[in-house]
């Protein structure tokens, strides 16, 4: 076979191959939506402080796996701890003061009750004695009156009259004296009754002490809340992606200190040409090729189709628009799940995606 024939055969083979490749590309164009601008995405949680303060320590490193509730950052808080200790001391003193007032009230109430009962008994005893003396005085007065009649009739000696008069005078003195004692005893009783108001005073002091304790406890809770703001914990299980601030730096509230993400929650974000988005449907199979794993195939499904183009998204960058025949082309974000992600995957990795759409188009 001469050289010319070989050349013709070679050119024929090349032509057939080119036609086959062209046919494959045309078929692929009709049966797949292909995009090479896909990126690995995840939800990021930015950790910041709710108050101003100096970073005392950062307890994690970039790449550290952490659990929800784990301590991440400590801001300076010695002053808060001292405040709490001082308040706890004040609370203990106030509790001791209340206990002392309670004991004083119980003792005073018991003593007052005993005094009142003793005074009532004294008044009853003096009253009984007073009535007895009054009866004796009445009897003596009757005897004196009868003796006086007999003495006037010359039936009894004067000495007898004198004795009866003396008895009456003595009994009148005793009745008067005892009446004064009864009056004094009643005034003393009234004074004791008035002292019952001291119980109200002690009760008010105890109530004021309770109010002071509640106020101190509220202040302690407030200080603990402030302390909690200075002990920053993780809200999620995740991985530390990036640390923005470091030990010794002063941060203001709302300034990001570090960033977390969930290593079990990744997806692919592809930006599909608006001319192809009509072919994309939820749950379509997707072939994924990562730039980091060029010789391995991974699979996923379409989970969400965006309802806004990248031109309207903040920070769209060079994905916002491209040019075709002098006109702008918008792209629509499409979220794709990963069935079995590669072992080492990080947000921002590039990937190519092929969305299989042949079940949703008809070829004639």
Protein backbone atom coordinates (compact mmCIF):
# COMPACT_ATOMS: atom_id res chain seq x y z
CA UNK A 1 0.00 0.00 0.00
CA UNK A 2 1.50 3.31 -1.08
CA UNK A 3 1.84 6.36 1.12
CA UNK A 4 -1.08 8.20 -0.48
CA UNK A 5 -3.48 5.38 0.37
CA UNK A 6 -2.25 5.29 3.94
CA UNK A 7 -2.80 9.02 4.24
CA UNK A 8 -6.33 8.67 2.88
CA UNK A 9 -7.09 5.89 5.37
CA UNK A 10 -5.67 7.96 8.23
CA UNK A 11 -7.68 11.00 7.22
CA UNK A 12 -10.80 8.85 6.91
CA UNK A 13 -10.29 7.41 10.38
CA UNK A 14 -9.74 10.91 11.79
CA UNK A 15 -12.87 12.16 10.06
CA UNK A 16 -14.94 9.28 11.40
CA UNK A 17 -13.51 9.86 14.89
CA UNK A 18 -14.27 13.56 14.68
CA UNK A 19 -17.81 12.86 13.51
CA UNK A 20 -18.23 10.34 16.33
CA UNK A 21 -16.91 12.83 18.88
CA UNK A 22 -19.19 15.50 17.45
CA UNK A 23 -22.15 13.14 17.61
CA UNK A 24 -21.29 12.26 21.22
CA UNK A 25 -21.01 15.94 22.16
CA UNK A 26 -24.32 16.69 20.46
CA UNK A 27 -25.96 13.76 22.26
CA UNK A 28 -24.35 14.78 25.53
CA UNK A 29 -25.54 18.35 25.01
CA UNK A 30 -29.12 17.09 24.62
CA UNK A 31 -28.98 14.65 27.54
CA UNK A 32 -26.91 16.49 30.20
CA UNK A 33 -26.51 19.89 31.73
CA UNK A 34 -22.81 20.35 32.30
CA UNK A 35 -21.28 23.02 34.52
CA UNK A 36 -17.67 23.42 35.59
CA UNK A 37 -18.14 26.28 38.02
CA UNK A 38 -19.51 24.25 40.92
CA UNK A 39 -18.18 24.62 44.48
CA UNK A 40 -18.42 22.67 47.69
CA UNK A 41 -20.56 24.62 50.16
CA UNK A 42 -21.63 24.29 53.78
CA UNK A 43 -23.36 26.32 56.47
CA UNK A 44 -20.90 28.50 58.37
CA UNK A 45 -21.47 29.63 61.95
CA UNK A 46 -19.58 32.78 62.85
CA UNK A 47 -18.78 33.01 66.56
CA UNK A 48 -18.59 36.48 68.04
CA UNK A 49 -18.80 38.09 71.46
CA UNK A 50 -21.94 39.77 72.78
CA UNK A 51 -19.87 42.22 74.83
CA UNK A 52 -16.60 44.10 74.48
CA UNK A 53 -13.57 42.48 76.05
CA UNK A 54 -10.02 41.20 75.81
CA UNK A 55 -9.46 37.64 74.62
CA UNK A 56 -7.93 35.73 77.50
CA UNK A 57 -7.68 32.39 75.75
CA UNK A 58 -8.82 30.51 72.64
CA UNK A 59 -9.22 26.86 73.57
CA UNK A 60 -9.36 25.38 70.04
CA UNK A 61 -7.27 25.40 66.89
CA UNK A 62 -8.19 25.53 63.23
CA UNK A 63 -9.37 22.09 62.18
CA UNK A 64 -10.34 21.06 65.72
CA UNK A 65 -13.51 18.99 65.99
CA UNK A 66 -15.73 20.32 68.72
CA UNK A 67 -18.98 19.40 70.44
CA UNK A 68 -22.00 21.58 71.15
CA UNK A 69 -21.48 23.35 74.48
CA UNK A 70 -17.69 23.03 74.36
CA UNK A 71 -15.77 26.09 75.58
CA UNK A 72 -14.23 27.92 72.64
CA UNK A 73 -13.16 31.36 73.83
CA UNK A 74 -12.58 32.98 77.20
CA UNK A 75 -12.69 36.74 77.57
CA UNK A 76 -11.22 38.46 80.62
CA UNK A 77 -13.60 37.84 83.52
CA UNK A 78 -11.70 38.03 86.82
CA UNK A 79 -13.58 41.19 87.79
CA UNK A 80 -16.90 39.39 87.28
CA UNK A 81 -15.76 36.45 89.42
CA UNK A 82 -14.70 38.85 92.19
CA UNK A 83 -18.07 40.59 91.99
CA UNK A 84 -19.86 37.25 92.29
CA UNK A 85 -17.72 36.22 95.28
CA UNK A 86 -18.42 39.56 96.99
CA UNK A 87 -22.13 39.24 96.33
CA UNK A 88 -22.16 35.69 97.69
CA UNK A 89 -20.49 36.98 100.87
CA UNK A 90 -23.11 39.73 101.15
CA UNK A 91 -25.84 37.13 100.63
CA UNK A 92 -24.42 34.90 103.38
CA UNK A 93 -24.28 37.87 105.77
CA UNK A 94 -27.84 38.84 104.94
CA UNK A 95 -29.01 35.26 105.51
CA UNK A 96 -27.27 35.26 108.89
CA UNK A 97 -28.90 38.61 109.72
CA UNK A 98 -32.31 37.21 108.79
CA UNK A 99 -31.74 34.12 110.91
CA UNK A 100 -30.79 36.37 113.85
CA UNK A 101 -33.95 38.43 113.37
CA UNK A 102 -36.04 35.27 113.16
CA UNK A 103 -34.52 33.97 116.40
CA UNK A 104 -35.05 37.35 118.07
CA UNK A 105 -38.66 37.36 116.96
CA UNK A 106 -39.31 33.84 118.25
CA UNK A 107 -37.63 34.59 121.60
CA UNK A 108 -39.40 37.94 121.97
CA UNK A 109 -42.76 36.40 121.08
CA UNK A 110 -42.31 33.58 123.59
CA UNK A 111 -41.15 36.01 126.34
CA UNK A 112 -43.98 38.42 125.63
CA UNK A 113 -46.52 35.61 125.68
CA UNK A 114 -45.20 34.48 129.07
CA UNK A 115 -45.25 38.03 130.47
CA UNK A 116 -48.79 38.61 129.27
CA UNK A 117 -49.99 35.38 130.81
CA UNK A 118 -48.21 36.22 134.10
CA UNK A 119 -49.69 39.72 134.11
CA UNK A 120 -53.18 38.40 133.42
CA UNK A 121 -52.78 35.96 136.29
CA UNK A 122 -51.56 38.79 138.52
CA UNK A 123 -54.55 40.94 137.58
CA UNK A 124 -56.93 38.04 138.30
CA UNK A 125 -55.27 37.40 141.67
CA UNK A 126 -55.36 41.09 142.66
CA UNK A 127 -58.95 41.31 141.48
CA UNK A 128 -59.96 38.36 143.61
CA UNK A 129 -58.16 39.82 146.62
CA UNK A 130 -59.73 43.22 145.95
CA UNK A 131 -63.22 41.75 145.90
CA UNK A 132 -62.52 39.88 149.12
CA UNK A 133 -61.35 43.08 150.83
CA UNK A 134 -64.40 44.94 149.54
CA UNK A 135 -66.65 42.27 151.09
CA UNK A 136 -64.78 42.48 154.37
CA UNK A 137 -64.99 46.28 154.24
CA UNK A 138 -68.77 46.17 153.69
CA UNK A 139 -69.13 43.72 156.58
CA UNK A 140 -66.96 45.93 158.82
CA UNK A 141 -68.98 48.99 157.88
CA UNK A 142 -72.20 47.13 158.81
CA UNK A 143 -70.67 46.10 162.14
CA UNK A 144 -69.55 49.68 162.74
CA UNK A 145 -73.05 50.98 162.01
CA UNK A 146 -74.64 48.46 164.38
CA UNK A 147 -72.06 49.18 167.10
CA UNK A 148 -72.59 52.92 166.68
CA UNK A 149 -76.36 52.40 167.26
CA UNK A 150 -75.71 50.29 170.34
CA UNK A 151 -73.17 52.84 171.64
CA UNK A 152 -75.71 55.65 171.27
CA UNK A 153 -78.21 53.56 173.23
CA UNK A 154 -75.60 52.98 175.90
CA UNK A 155 -75.66 49.26 175.19
CA UNK A 156 -71.96 48.86 174.28
CA UNK A 157 -68.77 50.53 175.53
CA UNK A 158 -66.91 53.17 173.55
CA UNK A 159 -63.90 50.90 173.20
CA UNK A 160 -65.95 48.52 171.13
CA UNK A 161 -66.96 51.37 168.81
CA UNK A 162 -63.35 52.45 168.53
CA UNK A 163 -62.24 48.92 167.56
CA UNK A 164 -64.89 48.72 164.85
CA UNK A 165 -63.91 52.13 163.55
CA UNK A 166 -60.24 51.05 163.38
CA UNK A 167 -61.20 47.91 161.44
CA UNK A 168 -63.09 49.96 158.89
CA UNK A 169 -60.24 52.40 158.48
CA UNK A 170 -57.67 49.60 158.04
CA UNK A 171 -59.84 47.81 155.49
CA UNK A 172 -60.51 51.04 153.58
CA UNK A 173 -56.74 51.62 153.39
CA UNK A 174 -56.14 48.07 152.22
CA UNK A 175 -58.89 48.33 149.57
CA UNK A 176 -57.53 51.63 148.33
CA UNK A 177 -53.97 50.25 148.19
CA UNK A 178 -55.07 47.08 146.43
CA UNK A 179 -57.17 49.09 144.00
CA UNK A 180 -54.04 51.05 143.11
CA UNK A 181 -52.13 47.79 142.57
CA UNK A 182 -54.89 46.52 140.28
CA UNK A 183 -54.78 49.73 138.26
CA UNK A 184 -50.99 49.54 137.99
CA UNK A 185 -51.17 45.88 136.93
CA UNK A 186 -53.68 46.76 134.22
CA UNK A 187 -51.47 49.59 132.93
CA UNK A 188 -48.50 47.19 132.86
CA UNK A 189 -50.60 44.71 130.92
CA UNK A 190 -51.55 47.39 128.41
CA UNK A 191 -47.88 48.27 128.01
CA UNK A 192 -47.09 44.62 127.29
CA UNK A 193 -49.89 44.52 124.73
CA UNK A 194 -48.36 47.62 123.13
CA UNK A 195 -45.02 45.81 122.91
CA UNK A 196 -46.66 43.32 120.52
CA UNK A 197 -46.08 45.95 117.86
CA UNK A 198 -42.40 45.16 118.21
CA UNK A 199 -43.24 41.82 116.58
CA UNK A 200 -44.51 43.73 113.55
CA UNK A 201 -41.26 45.68 113.47
CA UNK A 202 -39.24 42.45 113.53
CA UNK A 203 -41.51 40.95 110.86
CA UNK A 204 -40.93 43.98 108.65
CA UNK A 205 -37.17 43.70 109.17
CA UNK A 206 -37.33 40.03 108.13
CA UNK A 207 -39.32 40.94 105.02
CA UNK A 208 -36.79 43.66 104.16
CA UNK A 209 -34.02 41.10 104.61
CA UNK A 210 -35.82 38.76 102.19
CA UNK A 211 -36.05 41.59 99.65
CA UNK A 212 -32.33 42.31 100.06
CA UNK A 213 -31.53 38.62 99.54
CA UNK A 214 -33.65 38.49 96.38
CA UNK A 215 -31.94 41.61 95.09
CA UNK A 216 -28.50 40.14 95.76
CA UNK A 217 -29.50 36.87 94.10
CA UNK A 218 -30.80 38.79 91.07
CA UNK A 219 -27.49 40.65 90.89
CA UNK A 220 -25.59 37.35 91.10
CA UNK A 221 -27.68 35.93 88.27
CA UNK A 222 -27.00 39.06 86.24
CA UNK A 223 -23.26 38.75 86.90
CA UNK A 224 -23.38 35.07 85.94
CA UNK A 225 -25.13 36.05 82.72
CA UNK A 226 -22.36 38.55 82.00
CA UNK A 227 -19.81 35.86 82.89
CA UNK A 228 -21.54 33.52 80.44
CA UNK A 229 -21.03 36.14 77.73
CA UNK A 230 -17.31 35.98 78.49
CA UNK A 231 -17.19 32.19 78.33
CA UNK A 232 -18.16 31.54 74.72
CA UNK A 233 -19.23 27.99 73.89
CA UNK A 234 -20.03 26.21 70.66
CA UNK A 235 -23.69 26.13 69.56
CA UNK A 236 -23.12 23.11 67.30
CA UNK A 237 -21.08 19.97 66.75
CA UNK A 238 -18.59 20.94 64.08
CA UNK A 239 -15.11 21.85 62.95
CA UNK A 240 -13.19 25.08 63.48
CA UNK A 241 -12.70 26.45 59.99
CA UNK A 242 -10.95 29.75 60.59
CA UNK A 243 -9.77 31.77 63.59
CA UNK A 244 -9.87 35.52 62.97
CA UNK A 245 -8.81 36.87 66.39
CA UNK A 246 -6.21 35.65 68.85
CA UNK A 247 -5.21 35.73 72.50
CA UNK A 248 -4.61 39.20 73.85
CA UNK A 249 -6.67 41.02 71.23
CA UNK A 250 -9.47 43.34 72.28
CA UNK A 251 -12.75 42.63 70.49
CA UNK A 252 -16.00 44.53 70.33
CA UNK A 253 -19.41 42.92 70.42
CA UNK A 254 -20.50 41.47 67.09
CA UNK A 255 -16.94 41.10 65.71
CA UNK A 256 -16.29 37.58 64.37
CA UNK A 257 -13.66 35.70 66.37
CA UNK A 258 -13.80 32.30 64.68
CA UNK A 259 -15.86 30.32 62.21
CA UNK A 260 -17.39 26.85 62.55
CA UNK A 261 -19.06 24.47 60.14
CA UNK A 262 -20.70 21.06 60.30
CA UNK A 263 -18.43 18.48 58.60
CA UNK A 264 -21.42 16.22 57.96
CA UNK A 265 -23.34 18.87 56.06
CA UNK A 266 -21.84 19.53 52.62
CA UNK A 267 -23.43 20.15 49.27
CA UNK A 268 -22.45 21.25 45.79
CA UNK A 269 -23.50 24.68 44.59
CA UNK A 270 -23.57 24.84 40.78
CA UNK A 271 -24.47 27.90 38.73
CA UNK A 272 -26.47 26.75 35.72
CA UNK A 273 -26.77 28.78 32.51
CA UNK A 274 -30.24 30.31 32.27
CA UNK A 275 -30.67 28.66 28.85
CA UNK A 276 -30.32 25.21 30.48
CA UNK A 277 -32.14 25.73 33.77
CA UNK A 278 -35.48 24.66 32.23
CA UNK A 279 -34.11 21.12 31.94
CA UNK A 280 -33.16 20.83 35.60
CA UNK A 281 -35.59 19.14 37.99
CA UNK A 282 -35.56 18.17 41.66
CA UNK A 283 -34.17 14.64 42.35
CA UNK A 284 -32.30 14.37 39.03
CA UNK A 285 -29.14 12.28 39.23
CA UNK A 286 -25.88 14.19 39.03
CA UNK A 287 -22.36 12.98 38.19
CA UNK A 288 -19.75 14.94 40.13
CA UNK A 289 -16.02 15.21 39.44
CA UNK A 290 -13.94 17.04 42.02
CA UNK A 291 -10.83 18.91 41.00
CA UNK A 292 -9.11 17.33 44.00
CA UNK A 293 -10.11 13.80 42.85
CA UNK A 294 -9.84 13.93 39.03
CA UNK A 295 -9.95 10.17 38.50
CA UNK A 296 -12.93 9.35 40.71
CA UNK A 297 -16.64 9.73 40.10
CA UNK A 298 -19.09 10.81 42.77
CA UNK A 299 -22.85 11.05 42.62
CA UNK A 300 -25.61 13.17 44.02
CA UNK A 301 -29.07 14.55 43.35
CA UNK A 302 -30.55 17.93 42.61
CA UNK A 303 -32.14 19.12 45.86
CA UNK A 304 -32.93 22.77 45.31
CA UNK A 305 -33.19 25.17 42.37
CA UNK A 306 -32.63 28.83 43.15
CA UNK A 307 -35.34 31.42 42.61
CA UNK A 308 -32.93 34.30 41.98
CA UNK A 309 -30.09 34.69 39.50
CA UNK A 310 -26.51 35.32 40.53
CA UNK A 311 -26.77 38.80 39.01
CA UNK A 312 -29.01 39.72 41.94
CA UNK A 313 -26.95 37.94 44.58
CA UNK A 314 -24.55 39.97 46.65
CA UNK A 315 -20.94 39.13 45.87
CA UNK A 316 -21.68 37.22 42.66
CA UNK A 317 -18.26 38.13 41.27
CA UNK A 318 -17.35 36.64 37.92
CA UNK A 319 -20.30 34.23 38.27
CA UNK A 320 -22.75 37.07 37.99
CA UNK A 321 -22.69 37.24 34.25
CA UNK A 322 -20.86 36.03 31.15
CA UNK A 323 -21.08 37.08 27.53
CA UNK A 324 -22.65 35.29 24.62
CA UNK A 325 -22.82 37.03 21.20
CA UNK A 326 -22.57 40.41 22.86
CA UNK A 327 -25.33 39.76 25.45
CA UNK A 328 -25.21 38.93 29.16
CA UNK A 329 -26.03 35.43 30.37
CA UNK A 330 -27.44 34.96 33.85
CA UNK A 331 -26.91 31.88 35.98
CA UNK A 332 -29.18 30.21 38.52
CA UNK A 333 -27.77 28.52 41.65
CA UNK A 334 -28.60 24.81 41.97
CA UNK A 335 -27.94 22.87 45.18
CA UNK A 336 -26.82 19.25 44.76
CA UNK A 337 -26.55 16.73 47.56
CA UNK A 338 -23.62 14.31 47.90
CA UNK A 339 -24.42 10.61 48.27
CA UNK A 340 -20.95 9.55 49.47
CA UNK A 341 -18.57 12.50 49.72
CA UNK A 342 -14.80 11.96 49.47
CA UNK A 343 -12.91 11.45 52.73
CA UNK A 344 -11.18 14.82 52.65
CA UNK A 345 -13.49 17.57 51.54
CA UNK A 346 -13.56 21.22 52.49
CA UNK A 347 -15.80 24.14 51.62
CA UNK A 348 -14.72 25.97 48.49
CA UNK A 349 -13.37 22.95 46.59
CA UNK A 350 -14.09 23.09 42.87
CA UNK A 351 -16.08 20.47 40.97
CA UNK A 352 -17.66 19.70 37.60
CA UNK A 353 -21.26 18.51 37.54
CA UNK A 354 -23.24 16.65 34.90
CA UNK A 355 -26.99 16.70 35.47
CA UNK A 356 -28.70 13.86 33.62
CA UNK A 357 -31.77 15.32 31.98
CA UNK A 358 -32.60 12.75 29.30
CA UNK A 359 -35.64 11.56 31.26
CA UNK A 360 -37.07 15.06 30.99
CA UNK A 361 -36.52 15.94 27.31
CA UNK A 362 -37.72 14.33 24.08
CA UNK A 363 -35.48 13.84 21.10
CA UNK A 364 -36.88 13.78 17.57
